[in-house]
Structure formats: structure tokens, C-alpha cells
C-alpha atoms as a PDB file:
ATOM      1  CA  GLY A   1      -6.787 -17.516 -20.627  1.00  0.00           C
ATOM      2  CA  MET A   2      -5.050 -18.062 -17.259  1.00  0.00           C
ATOM      3  CA  LEU A   3      -7.493 -17.566 -13.766  1.00  0.00           C
ATOM      4  CA  ARG A   4      -5.866 -15.735 -11.071  1.00  0.00           C
ATOM      5  CA  ARG A   5      -7.027 -15.371  -7.593  1.00  0.00           C
ATOM      6  CA  HIS A   6      -5.255 -12.952  -5.585  1.00  0.00           C
ATOM      7  CA  ILE A   7      -6.535 -13.682  -1.321  1.00  0.00           C
ATOM      8  CA  HIS A   8      -5.720 -10.965   0.688  1.00  0.00           C
ATOM      9  CA  PRO A   9      -5.734 -12.331   5.013  1.00  0.00           C
ATOM     10  CA  GLY A  10      -9.164 -12.108   6.673  1.00  0.00           C
ATOM     11  CA  TRP A  11     -10.371  -8.546   8.128  1.00  0.00           C
ATOM     12  CA  THR A  12     -11.966  -8.226  10.850  1.00  0.00           C
ATOM     13  CA  ASP A  13     -14.756  -4.741  10.961  1.00  0.00           C
ATOM     14  CA  PRO A  14     -13.727  -3.243  14.941  1.00  0.00           C
ATOM     15  CA  LYS A  15     -17.714  -1.936  14.523  1.00  0.00           C
ATOM     16  CA  THR A  16     -19.739  -4.559  13.576  1.00  0.00           C
ATOM     17  CA  LYS A  17     -17.155  -7.194  14.319  1.00  0.00           C
ATOM     18  CA  ARG A  18     -17.896  -9.033  10.446  1.00  0.00           C
ATOM     19  CA  LEU A  19     -15.298 -10.942   8.832  1.00  0.00           C
ATOM     20  CA  LEU A  20     -14.152  -9.459   5.338  1.00  0.00           C
ATOM     21  CA  THR A  21     -11.835 -11.375   2.963  1.00  0.00           C
ATOM     22  CA  PHE A  22     -10.971  -9.544  -0.128  1.00  0.00           C
ATOM     23  CA  TRP A  23      -8.962 -10.529  -3.095  1.00  0.00           C
ATOM     24  CA  LEU A  24      -8.145  -9.869  -6.947  1.00  0.00           C
ATOM     25  CA  GLU A  25      -9.683 -11.872  -9.942  1.00  0.00           C
ATOM     26  CA  GLY A  26      -9.191 -11.435 -12.934  1.00  0.00           C
ATOM     27  CA  ILE A  27      -8.586 -13.899 -16.545  1.00  0.00           C
ATOM     28  CA  LEU A  28      -5.335 -12.384 -18.673  1.00  0.00           C
ATOM     29  CA  PRO A  29      -5.433 -13.583 -22.002  1.00  0.00           C
ATOM     30  CA  SER A  30      -1.564 -14.868 -22.162  1.00  0.00           C
ATOM     31  CA  ASP A  31      -0.968 -15.260 -18.710  1.00  0.00           C
ATOM     32  CA  ASN A  32       1.279 -12.232 -19.071  1.00  0.00           C
ATOM     33  CA  PRO A  33       1.119  -9.483 -15.502  1.00  0.00           C
ATOM     34  CA  LEU A  34       0.288  -6.330 -17.656  1.00  0.00           C
ATOM     35  CA  GLU A  35      -2.946  -8.040 -18.952  1.00  0.00           C
ATOM     36  CA  GLY A  36      -4.365  -7.644 -14.904  1.00  0.00           C
ATOM     37  CA  MET A  37      -4.038  -3.689 -15.884  1.00  0.00           C
ATOM     38  CA  LYS A  38      -7.433  -3.970 -17.988  1.00  0.00           C
ATOM     39  CA  ALA A  39      -8.517  -7.646 -16.263  1.00  0.00           C
ATOM     40  CA  TRP A  40      -8.778  -7.230 -12.582  1.00  0.00           C
ATOM     41  CA  ASP A  41     -11.370  -6.850  -9.948  1.00  0.00           C
ATOM     42  CA  ILE A  42     -11.937  -6.945  -6.025  1.00  0.00           C
ATOM     43  CA  TYR A  43     -14.091  -9.159  -4.765  1.00  0.00           C
ATOM     44  CA  PHE A  44     -15.128 -10.012  -1.259  1.00  0.00           C
ATOM     45  CA  THR A  45     -17.191 -12.160   1.253  1.00  0.00           C
ATOM     46  CA  ILE A  46     -18.524 -11.682   4.471  1.00  0.00           C
ATOM     47  CA  ASP A  47     -18.103 -13.858   7.709  1.00  0.00           C
ATOM     48  CA  GLU A  48     -17.125 -16.842   5.108  1.00  0.00           C
ATOM     49  CA  LYS A  49     -20.703 -16.930   3.937  1.00  0.00           C
ATOM     50  CA  PRO A  50     -20.479 -18.102   0.001  1.00  0.00           C
ATOM     51  CA  GLU A  51     -22.084 -15.341  -1.457  1.00  0.00           C
ATOM     52  CA  VAL A  52     -19.581 -12.992  -3.726  1.00  0.00           C
ATOM     53  CA  HIS A  53     -19.462  -9.477  -3.541  1.00  0.00           C
ATOM     54  CA  LYS A  54     -18.026  -7.618  -7.082  1.00  0.00           C
ATOM     55  CA  ILE A  55     -17.074  -4.051  -6.330  1.00  0.00           C
ATOM     56  CA  PRO A  56     -18.097  -2.450  -9.389  1.00  0.00           C
ATOM     57  CA  ARG A  57     -15.366  -0.618 -11.646  1.00  0.00           C
ATOM     58  CA  PRO A  58     -15.086   3.179 -11.637  1.00  0.00           C
ATOM     59  CA  PRO A  59     -17.293   4.976 -14.139  1.00  0.00           C
ATOM     60  CA  GLY A  60     -14.695   5.060 -17.091  1.00  0.00           C
ATOM     61  CA  GLY A  61     -14.455   0.698 -16.519  1.00  0.00           C
ATOM     62  CA  GLU A  62     -10.770   0.813 -15.450  1.00  0.00           C
ATOM     63  CA  SER A  63      -9.745  -2.156 -13.645  1.00  0.00           C
ATOM     64  CA  MET A  64      -9.021  -1.539  -9.973  1.00  0.00           C
ATOM     65  CA  MET A  65      -6.435  -3.645  -7.937  1.00  0.00           C
ATOM     66  CA  LEU A  66      -5.474  -4.227  -4.285  1.00  0.00           C
ATOM     67  CA  GLY A  67      -1.931  -3.501  -3.363  1.00  0.00           C
ATOM     68  CA  ASP A  68      -0.068  -5.413  -1.305  1.00  0.00           C
ATOM     69  CA  VAL A  69      -1.084  -6.762   2.020  1.00  0.00           C
ATOM     70  CA  THR A  70       0.206  -4.022   3.603  1.00  0.00           C
ATOM     71  CA  CYS A  71      -2.805  -1.656   2.039  1.00  0.00           C
ATOM     72  CA  GLN A  72      -5.350  -3.135   5.354  1.00  0.00           C
ATOM     73  CA  PRO A  73      -8.890  -1.588   4.988  1.00  0.00           C
ATOM     74  CA  LEU A  74      -9.368   1.414   7.527  1.00  0.00           C
ATOM     75  CA  SER A  75     -12.411   1.375  10.130  1.00  0.00           C
ATOM     76  CA  LEU A  76     -13.553   5.386  10.785  1.00  0.00           C
ATOM     77  CA  PRO A  77     -15.132   6.708  13.499  1.00  0.00           C
ATOM     78  CA  ASP A  78     -18.785   7.350  11.762  1.00  0.00           C
ATOM     79  CA  GLY A  79     -18.532   2.893  10.920  1.00  0.00           C
ATOM     80  CA  ALA A  80     -17.075   3.153   7.558  1.00  0.00           C
ATOM     81  CA  ILE A  81     -14.913   1.546   5.982  1.00  0.00           C
ATOM     82  CA  LEU A  82     -12.345   2.543   3.730  1.00  0.00           C
ATOM     83  CA  LEU A  83     -10.454   0.469   1.657  1.00  0.00           C
ATOM     84  CA  PRO A  84      -6.738   1.377  -0.444  1.00  0.00           C
ATOM     85  CA  ALA A  85      -6.783   0.065  -3.979  1.00  0.00           C
ATOM     86  CA  VAL A  86      -5.243   1.826  -7.683  1.00  0.00           C
ATOM     87  CA  MET A  87      -6.832   1.787 -10.728  1.00  0.00           C
ATOM     88  CA  ALA A  88      -5.665   1.485 -13.935  1.00  0.00           C
ATOM     89  CA  PRO A  89      -6.353   4.839 -16.064  1.00  0.00           C
ATOM     90  CA  LEU A  90      -7.340   4.288 -19.884  1.00  0.00           C
ATOM     91  CA  ASN A  91      -6.481   6.398 -23.338  1.00  0.00           C
ATOM     92  CA  PRO A  92      -9.583   6.964 -25.488  1.00  0.00           C
ATOM     93  CA  ASP A  93      -9.029   4.486 -27.844  1.00  0.00           C
ATOM     94  CA  GLY A  94      -8.801   1.984 -24.499  1.00  0.00           C
ATOM     95  CA  THR A  95      -5.056   1.809 -24.242  1.00  0.00           C
ATOM     96  CA  THR A  96      -3.627   2.011 -21.104  1.00  0.00           C
ATOM     97  CA  TYR A  97      -2.548   5.182 -20.292  1.00  0.00           C
ATOM     98  CA  ASN A  98       1.607   5.556 -19.519  1.00  0.00           C
ATOM     99  CA  PRO A  99       2.282   8.739 -19.232  1.00  0.00           C
ATOM    100  CA  GLY A 100       5.234   8.024 -16.907  1.00  0.00           C
ATOM    101  CA  GLY A 101       7.105   5.871 -19.031  1.00  0.00           C
ATOM    102  CA  GLY A 102       8.113   3.735 -16.046  1.00  0.00           C
ATOM    103  CA  TYR A 103       6.535  -0.269 -15.877  1.00  0.00           C
ATOM    104  CA  THR A 104       2.733   0.404 -15.268  1.00  0.00           C
ATOM    105  CA  TYR A 105       1.149   3.303 -14.034  1.00  0.00           C
ATOM    106  CA  HIS A 106      -1.675   3.894 -11.694  1.00  0.00           C
ATOM    107  CA  TYR A 107      -4.381   6.393 -10.099  1.00  0.00           C
ATOM    108  CA  GLY A 108      -4.802   5.642  -6.400  1.00  0.00           C
ATOM    109  CA  MET A 109      -8.144   5.003  -5.297  1.00  0.00           C
ATOM    110  CA  ILE A 110      -9.548   4.825  -1.562  1.00  0.00           C
ATOM    111  CA  LEU A 111     -12.916   2.649  -2.251  1.00  0.00           C
ATOM    112  CA  ARG A 112     -15.406   3.918   0.784  1.00  0.00           C
ATOM    113  CA  GLY A 113     -17.710   1.022   2.355  1.00  0.00           C
ATOM    114  CA  GLU A 114     -21.044   1.623   4.200  1.00  0.00           C
ATOM    115  CA  TRP A 115     -22.850  -0.914   5.910  1.00  0.00           C
ATOM    116  CA  LYS A 116     -26.561  -1.305   4.547  1.00  0.00           C
ATOM    117  CA  GLY A 117     -27.693  -3.736   6.987  1.00  0.00           C
ATOM    118  CA  PRO A 118     -25.940  -7.142   6.625  1.00  0.00           C
ATOM    119  CA  ARG A 119     -24.204  -5.812   3.213  1.00  0.00           C
ATOM    120  CA  LEU A 120     -21.532  -3.847   2.520  1.00  0.00           C
ATOM    121  CA  HIS A 121     -21.283  -0.764  -0.678  1.00  0.00           C
ATOM    122  CA  PHE A 122     -18.448   0.466  -2.007  1.00  0.00           C
ATOM    123  CA  THR A 123     -18.245   4.086  -3.707  1.00  0.00           C
ATOM    124  CA  HIS A 124     -15.469   5.065  -5.488  1.00  0.00           C
ATOM    125  CA  THR A 125     -14.106   8.387  -4.424  1.00  0.00           C
ATOM    126  CA  ARG A 126     -12.199  10.888  -6.612  1.00  0.00           C
ATOM    127  CA  PRO A 127      -9.047   9.392  -7.891  1.00  0.00           C
ATOM    128  CA  ILE A 128      -5.228  10.013  -5.675  1.00  0.00           C
ATOM    129  CA  LYS A 129      -2.630  11.634  -8.885  1.00  0.00           C
ATOM    130  CA  ASN A 130       0.376  12.127  -9.014  1.00  0.00           C
ATOM    131  CA  ASP A 131       2.291  14.355 -11.376  1.00  0.00           C
ATOM    132  CA  PRO A 132       3.809  11.763 -14.180  1.00  0.00           C
ATOM    133  CA  ALA A 133       6.697  14.155 -14.076  1.00  0.00           C
ATOM    134  CA  ARG A 134       7.379  13.762 -10.136  1.00  0.00           C
ATOM    135  CA  SER A 135       6.396   9.731  -9.816  1.00  0.00           C
ATOM    136  CA  THR A 136       6.767   7.932 -12.999  1.00  0.00           C
ATOM    137  CA  ARG A 137       4.505   5.099 -12.126  1.00  0.00           C
ATOM    138  CA  GLY A 138       1.512   7.985 -10.715  1.00  0.00           C
ATOM    139  CA  VAL A 139      -0.066   6.512  -7.036  1.00  0.00           C
ATOM    140  CA  ASP A 140       1.279   2.797  -6.006  1.00  0.00           C
ATOM    141  CA  GLU A 141       0.165   0.804  -3.008  1.00  0.00           C
ATOM    142  CA  PRO A 142      -1.447   3.343  -0.540  1.00  0.00           C
ATOM    143  CA  THR A 143      -1.613   2.228   3.070  1.00  0.00           C
ATOM    144  CA  LEU A 144      -4.259   4.421   5.225  1.00  0.00           C
ATOM    145  CA  GLY A 145      -3.518   5.728   8.761  1.00  0.00           C
ATOM    146  CA  ARG A 146      -6.101   7.971  11.116  1.00  0.00           C
ATOM    147  CA  LEU A 147      -4.816  11.506  12.335  1.00  0.00           C
ATOM    148  CA  SER A 148      -6.233  13.711  14.284  1.00  0.00           C
ATOM    149  CA  ARG A 149      -9.348  15.983  13.942  1.00  0.00           C
ATOM    150  CA  ASN A 150     -10.891  13.074  11.977  1.00  0.00           C
ATOM    151  CA  ARG A 151      -8.111  13.467   9.017  1.00  0.00           C
ATOM    152  CA  VAL A 152      -7.026  10.075   7.007  1.00  0.00           C
ATOM    153  CA  LEU A 153      -3.439   9.967   6.054  1.00  0.00           C
ATOM    154  CA  ALA A 154      -2.381   7.905   3.087  1.00  0.00           C
ATOM    155  CA  VAL A 155       1.196   6.995   2.610  1.00  0.00           C
ATOM    156  CA  ILE A 156       2.023   6.521  -1.076  1.00  0.00           C
ATOM    157  CA  ARG A 157       4.415   4.356  -3.416  1.00  0.00           C
ATOM    158  CA  GLY A 158       5.907   6.141  -5.552  1.00  0.00           C
ATOM    159  CA  SER A 159       8.650   5.300  -8.465  1.00  0.00           C
ATOM    160  CA  ASN A 160      11.613   7.012 -10.374  1.00  0.00           C
ATOM    161  CA  ASP A 161      11.734   3.617 -12.833  1.00  0.00           C
ATOM    162  CA  ALA A 162      12.999   4.898 -16.667  1.00  0.00           C
ATOM    163  CA  LYS A 163      14.132   8.400 -14.889  1.00  0.00           C
ATOM    164  CA  PRO A 164      16.439   7.478 -12.205  1.00  0.00           C
ATOM    165  CA  HIS A 165      17.552  11.066 -11.754  1.00  0.00           C
ATOM    166  CA  LEU A 166      14.559  11.426 -10.663  1.00  0.00           C
ATOM    167  CA  PRO A 167      14.427  11.413  -6.359  1.00  0.00           C
ATOM    168  CA  SER A 168      12.601   8.804  -5.380  1.00  0.00           C
ATOM    169  CA  TRP A 169      10.482   9.825  -2.269  1.00  0.00           C
ATOM    170  CA  ARG A 170       7.591   8.110  -0.356  1.00  0.00           C
ATOM    171  CA  TRP A 171       4.531  10.210  -0.938  1.00  0.00           C
ATOM    172  CA  PHE A 172       1.451  11.107   1.510  1.00  0.00           C
ATOM    173  CA  SER A 173      -1.950  12.725   0.472  1.00  0.00           C
ATOM    174  CA  ILE A 174      -4.422  13.726   3.440  1.00  0.00           C
ATOM    175  CA  SER A 175      -8.394  13.571   3.357  1.00  0.00           C
ATOM    176  CA  SER A 176     -10.340  15.657   6.157  1.00  0.00           C
ATOM    177  CA  ASP A 177     -13.872  14.551   4.808  1.00  0.00           C
ATOM    178  CA  GLY A 178     -13.552  10.490   5.376  1.00  0.00           C
ATOM    179  CA  GLY A 179     -11.781   9.165   2.513  1.00  0.00           C
ATOM    180  CA  ARG A 180     -14.135  11.103   0.033  1.00  0.00           C
ATOM    181  CA  THR A 181     -11.337  13.155  -1.381  1.00  0.00           C
ATOM    182  CA  TRP A 182      -8.230  14.031  -1.501  1.00  0.00           C
ATOM    183  CA  ASN A 183      -5.275  16.366  -1.475  1.00  0.00           C
ATOM    184  CA  ASP A 184      -3.094  16.751  -4.341  1.00  0.00           C
ATOM    185  CA  PRO A 185       0.203  14.382  -3.235  1.00  0.00           C
ATOM    186  CA  ALA A 186       3.366  15.968  -2.044  1.00  0.00           C
ATOM    187  CA  PRO A 187       6.694  14.094  -1.063  1.00  0.00           C
ATOM    188  CA  TRP A 188       6.557  12.844   2.417  1.00  0.00           C
ATOM    189  CA  THR A 189       8.739  13.960   5.272  1.00  0.00           C
ATOM    190  CA  TYR A 190      10.420  13.764   8.655  1.00  0.00           C
ATOM    191  CA  SER A 191       8.354  16.389  10.714  1.00  0.00           C
ATOM    192  CA  ASN A 192      11.671  18.576  10.834  1.00  0.00           C
ATOM    193  CA  GLY A 193      10.647  19.105   7.159  1.00  0.00           C
ATOM    194  CA  GLU A 194      13.856  17.044   6.007  1.00  0.00           C
ATOM    195  CA  SER A 195      13.204  14.762   2.953  1.00  0.00           C
ATOM    196  CA  PHE A 196      14.398  11.123   2.584  1.00  0.00           C
ATOM    197  CA  TYR A 197      14.818   8.645  -0.458  1.00  0.00           C
ATOM    198  CA  SER A 198      12.778   5.904  -0.409  1.00  0.00           C
ATOM    199  CA  PRO A 199      12.516   2.544  -3.078  1.00  0.00           C
ATOM    200  CA  ALA A 200       9.434   1.796  -4.961  1.00  0.00           C
ATOM    201  CA  ALA A 201       8.065  -0.725  -2.883  1.00  0.00           C
ATOM    202  CA  CYS A 202       5.273  -1.185  -0.075  1.00  0.00           C
ATOM    203  CA  SER A 203       5.010   0.474   3.391  1.00  0.00           C
ATOM    204  CA  GLN A 204       2.806  -0.209   6.172  1.00  0.00           C
ATOM    205  CA  LEU A 205       0.839   2.214   8.615  1.00  0.00           C
ATOM    206  CA  LEU A 206       0.106  -0.010  11.790  1.00  0.00           C
ATOM    207  CA  HIS A 207      -2.196   1.662  14.697  1.00  0.00           C
ATOM    208  CA  HIS A 208      -0.913   0.604  17.768  1.00  0.00           C
ATOM    209  CA  SER A 209      -2.856  -0.376  21.167  1.00  0.00           C
ATOM    210  CA  ASN A 210      -0.434   2.185  22.849  1.00  0.00           C
ATOM    211  CA  GLY A 211      -1.970   4.715  20.790  1.00  0.00           C
ATOM    212  CA  ARG A 212       0.717   5.874  18.500  1.00  0.00           C
ATOM    213  CA  LEU A 213       0.951   5.338  13.987  1.00  0.00           C
ATOM    214  CA  TYR A 214       3.829   2.983  13.332  1.00  0.00           C
ATOM    215  CA  TRP A 215       5.301   2.818   9.405  1.00  0.00           C
ATOM    216  CA  LEU A 216       7.311   0.508   8.419  1.00  0.00           C
ATOM    217  CA  GLY A 217       9.142   0.353   5.280  1.00  0.00           C
ATOM    218  CA  ASN A 218      12.696   0.898   3.249  1.00  0.00           C
ATOM    219  CA  ILE A 219      14.382   3.745   3.799  1.00  0.00           C
ATOM    220  CA  THR A 220      17.814   4.281   1.708  1.00  0.00           C
ATOM    221  CA  PRO A 221      20.675   6.483   2.217  1.00  0.00           C
ATOM    222  CA  GLU A 222      21.610   7.172  -1.251  1.00  0.00           C
ATOM    223  CA  ASN A 223      18.757   7.385  -4.457  1.00  0.00           C
ATOM    224  CA  PRO A 224      17.295   4.386  -5.247  1.00  0.00           C
ATOM    225  CA  LYS A 225      16.497   3.252  -9.026  1.00  0.00           C
ATOM    226  CA  GLY A 226      12.906   2.234  -9.268  1.00  0.00           C
ATOM    227  CA  ASN A 227      12.755  -1.036  -6.963  1.00  0.00           C
ATOM    228  CA  ARG A 228      15.800  -1.025  -5.828  1.00  0.00           C
ATOM    229  CA  PRO A 229      17.355  -1.525  -2.869  1.00  0.00           C
ATOM    230  CA  ARG A 230      14.931  -2.679  -0.636  1.00  0.00           C
ATOM    231  CA  TYR A 231      16.609  -2.124   2.182  1.00  0.00           C
ATOM    232  CA  PRO A 232      17.366  -1.441   5.188  1.00  0.00           C
ATOM    233  CA  PHE A 233      13.688  -1.951   6.657  1.00  0.00           C
ATOM    234  CA  VAL A 234      12.825   0.098   9.109  1.00  0.00           C
ATOM    235  CA  ILE A 235      10.328   1.832  11.613  1.00  0.00           C
ATOM    236  CA  GLY A 236       9.455   4.803  12.867  1.00  0.00           C
ATOM    237  CA  GLU A 237       6.626   6.985  14.605  1.00  0.00           C
ATOM    238  CA  VAL A 238       4.016   9.345  13.086  1.00  0.00           C
ATOM    239  CA  ASP A 239       3.095  12.406  13.961  1.00  0.00           C
ATOM    240  CA  GLN A 240      -0.289  12.060  14.338  1.00  0.00           C
ATOM    241  CA  ASP A 241      -1.010  16.408  14.074  1.00  0.00           C
ATOM    242  CA  SER A 242       1.563  16.768  10.579  1.00  0.00           C
ATOM    243  CA  GLY A 243       0.914  12.943   9.188  1.00  0.00           C
ATOM    244  CA  LEU A 244       4.931  13.164   8.600  1.00  0.00           C
ATOM    245  CA  LEU A 245       7.506  10.775  10.042  1.00  0.00           C
ATOM    246  CA  ILE A 246       9.380  11.641  12.864  1.00  0.00           C
ATOM    247  CA  LYS A 247      12.983  11.189  12.147  1.00  0.00           C
ATOM    248  CA  ASN A 248      14.355  10.587  15.633  1.00  0.00           C
ATOM    249  CA  THR A 249      11.570   7.244  16.946  1.00  0.00           C
ATOM    250  CA  LEU A 250      13.285   5.494  13.040  1.00  0.00           C
ATOM    251  CA  ARG A 251      14.733   2.114  14.148  1.00  0.00           C
ATOM    252  CA  THR A 252      16.276  -0.578  11.988  1.00  0.00           C
ATOM    253  CA  VAL A 253      14.666  -3.575  12.022  1.00  0.00           C
ATOM    254  CA  ASP A 254      17.315  -5.513   9.186  1.00  0.00           C
ATOM    255  CA  GLY A 255      19.696  -4.917   6.876  1.00  0.00           C
ATOM    256  CA  LYS A 256      22.025  -6.528   4.003  1.00  0.00           C
ATOM    257  CA  GLY A 257      24.295  -8.244   5.491  1.00  0.00           C
ATOM    258  CA  PRO A 258      28.389  -8.244   4.057  1.00  0.00           C
ATOM    259  CA  ASN A 259      28.189 -11.414   1.865  1.00  0.00           C
ATOM    260  CA  GLU A 260      24.006 -10.999   0.704  1.00  0.00           C
ATOM    261  CA  ASP A 261      23.599 -10.095  -2.768  1.00  0.00           C
ATOM    262  CA  PRO A 262      22.750  -6.526  -3.666  1.00  0.00           C
ATOM    263  CA  ILE A 263      19.870  -7.583  -4.799  1.00  0.00           C
ATOM    264  CA  LEU A 264      18.195  -8.142  -1.270  1.00  0.00           C
ATOM    265  CA  THR A 265      14.536  -7.752  -0.950  1.00  0.00           C
ATOM    266  CA  LEU A 266      13.444  -6.713   2.294  1.00  0.00           C
ATOM    267  CA  SER A 267      10.125  -6.057   1.015  1.00  0.00           C
ATOM    268  CA  ASN A 268       6.626  -7.551   0.779  1.00  0.00           C
ATOM    269  CA  PHE A 269       5.813  -8.070   4.405  1.00  0.00           C
ATOM    270  CA  TYR A 270       3.207  -7.672   6.561  1.00  0.00           C
ATOM    271  CA  ALA A 271       2.817  -6.801  10.517  1.00  0.00           C
ATOM    272  CA  ARG A 272       0.468  -6.460  13.196  1.00  0.00           C
ATOM    273  CA  GLU A 273       0.847  -6.163  17.303  1.00  0.00           C
ATOM    274  CA  ASP A 274       0.370  -8.963  18.820  1.00  0.00           C
ATOM    275  CA  ARG A 275      -2.491  -9.196  21.411  1.00  0.00           C
ATOM    276  CA  GLN A 276      -0.551 -10.585  24.599  1.00  0.00           C
ATOM    277  CA  THR A 277       2.580  -9.407  23.984  1.00  0.00           C
ATOM    278  CA  HIS A 278       2.099  -6.081  22.404  1.00  0.00           C
ATOM    279  CA  GLU A 279       5.257  -6.490  20.018  1.00  0.00           C
ATOM    280  CA  ILE A 280       4.689  -5.652  16.791  1.00  0.00           C
ATOM    281  CA  VAL A 281       5.157  -8.942  15.183  1.00  0.00           C
ATOM    282  CA  LEU A 282       6.911  -8.230  11.084  1.00  0.00           C
ATOM    283  CA  HIS A 283       6.230 -11.299   8.776  1.00  0.00           C
ATOM    284  CA  MET A 284       9.118 -11.053   5.946  1.00  0.00           C
ATOM    285  CA  THR A 285      10.867 -12.761   3.592  1.00  0.00           C
ATOM    286  CA  ARG A 286      14.225 -12.107   2.743  1.00  0.00           C
ATOM    287  CA  LEU A 287      14.100 -13.014  -0.568  1.00  0.00           C
ATOM    288  CA  PHE A 288      17.385 -12.982  -2.965  1.00  0.00           C
ATOM    289  CA  ALA A 289      20.043 -12.991   0.279  1.00  0.00           C
ATOM    290  CA  VAL A 290      21.467 -16.360  -2.165  1.00  0.00           C
ATOM    291  CA  PRO A 291      23.290 -14.899  -5.162  1.00  0.00           C
ATOM    292  CA  ASN A 292      21.814 -15.836  -8.261  1.00  0.00           C
ATOM    293  CA  ASN A 293      19.196 -17.512  -6.386  1.00  0.00           C
ATOM    294  CA  TRP A 294      14.952 -16.749  -6.246  1.00  0.00           C
ATOM    295  CA  GLN A 295      14.702 -18.126  -2.664  1.00  0.00           C
ATOM    296  CA  GLY A 296      14.521 -16.737   1.090  1.00  0.00           C
ATOM    297  CA  ASP A 297      13.918 -17.377   3.831  1.00  0.00           C
ATOM    298  CA  ALA A 298      10.507 -16.516   5.769  1.00  0.00           C
ATOM    299  CA  TYR A 299      11.395 -14.739   9.163  1.00  0.00           C
ATOM    300  CA  ALA A 300       8.947 -13.635  12.220  1.00  0.00           C
ATOM    301  CA  TYR A 301      10.135 -10.361  13.755  1.00  0.00           C
ATOM    302  CA  ARG A 302       9.465  -9.250  17.082  1.00  0.00           C
ATOM    303  CA  ILE A 303       9.783  -5.734  17.365  1.00  0.00           C
ATOM    304  CA  PRO A 304       9.162  -4.051  21.288  1.00  0.00           C
ATOM    305  CA  VAL A 305       7.374  -0.197  21.694  1.00  0.00           C
END
């Protein structure tokens, strides 16, 4: 088979100052991406030392997968580390479970890591499950942020893949016990209760040194179909009491130009705070901007906040 490794950027634990590097690894017998639903495992190293650590699979033996690089670990006040991931549930006969009829189907799996001396041990928490009649691909690519009263917010990628008549929403879940348990996902709305559309795409919650929590992702004026359209790309502030998006803080970062292909993809990005200017720096490739051409230019957007 084909050995595949997908390595995430290094992440420094703010409590211990240790550098953690996570990656996804598996052998795909015929190099079909769907074979990863059974093949993927999560590995990590500490401070670039040669010892490789493998995170055990859940008790049922299901494979686990990291989301895009927007799915960053989150440090909690008690020193624990939450690592957002997803797992591919299995039927009793060992085949992959796909009740929604979309391309894939996942549960959310937020792994909780705790230091025991120089070693980091991860435990499985109760999976976050969505109703396949509302999100055909279940729970995908959760991104995490801290809320008031020691709560943790997960903003989740949903999908109406194969059932485009369903509203394509972003979803959210909140944990009040350090990421050990999560409430059932609900449609993520504006803080005034108004709903909005968002395609099946990654997004990112970003804590800023100004004390605010920002969300970066796609919001569309009309109901998307599965993954598209992945524009415009926006940034907004999250209310840290309700965990919802504050509508009047939204700003459009980029969108489709008049002569660009409708399948333009403003996604698969990574955002960070510049340590000197405190701007939010968004690294994103404008993929498929040229018709019938699998290419795009890589940009760094500087967003003052």
C-alpha cells in the first residue's frame, strides 16, 4: 500500500513551553482516500525528540483523523490540552457507518491530554454526534475556543452533501467540564438569534491578546451545496458568554472577482496573531481562481483588529 503522512505545524503548549508536533499517518492499500476511514492514526512528538507517541484508538477500534490545520489544540487553565479530531464510526460488520448518504460520516472526538511528568497522555471523551438527517456527514473539523465561566466552545463543520435541500449550517457544542463531555450540536447562529449559511469547509477560532475571540470562515448569502461555494471569506467576533457570532462585527476579507471561476475556493487556511503588530495574519491560497486549472497563488492577508 501507500504510506501517507499529513503533518500539522508545531504547537507550543503555553503552560510547559514544550513543542508538540501532531500528524496523521496510515497505509492505504490502493491509495484511495476513503481507505483512510479505517487506516488513519494520530501520532505526535515532544520538543522534536525522536521518540514517537501514538494516540490509542477508541475502544471500538475506530480510526481517528485530524482536521485541517485550523483545528488547533487548545490549552485549558488546569494545564490540560484539548486536541480536536474526528472518528469514523463502524457498523457491526466492520464497514464504515454512513447513515447520511454523503461522501463520508464522522463523529467529533475531542481528545484530552494531561501531563504526567515529561509525558503527555491522551484520553478519549464522549463523541460529539449530530443527527444525519440534519448534517449528512455528521461532525467534521471542530475548532475550539475558551468561553466565560470555564466553558469550551466547539464550532463544527456540517454538510448537506447529497441532500442540498437541507440548510447548510455551521454547528456548535459547548463543554462545561474541561472538554470531557459535550452537549448535542445545535445550529450556530448570530448572537441575535438570526441564522446564516455556511458551506462544508474548515473554520478557525482564534484567541487574540486583546482578550477577544475571533472566528474565520465562509458565510454565504444563499444555501450552499455541500462544499461550495467557499466564498466570501469573513472574520467576526464571538460573544464569550453565549458562544455565538456577533453579526455587526463581521468583515469580508476576500471574495470572488467578476472574472473568476465560480468554484473559487477560499478555504484550507491558517490564521495567527502577529507578535509585533498584533494583526491577524491569514495564510490562504486562492485555489481554482483560474477556470479549469488546479492552481492558485498563496497569499498572506493582514487583518487589523
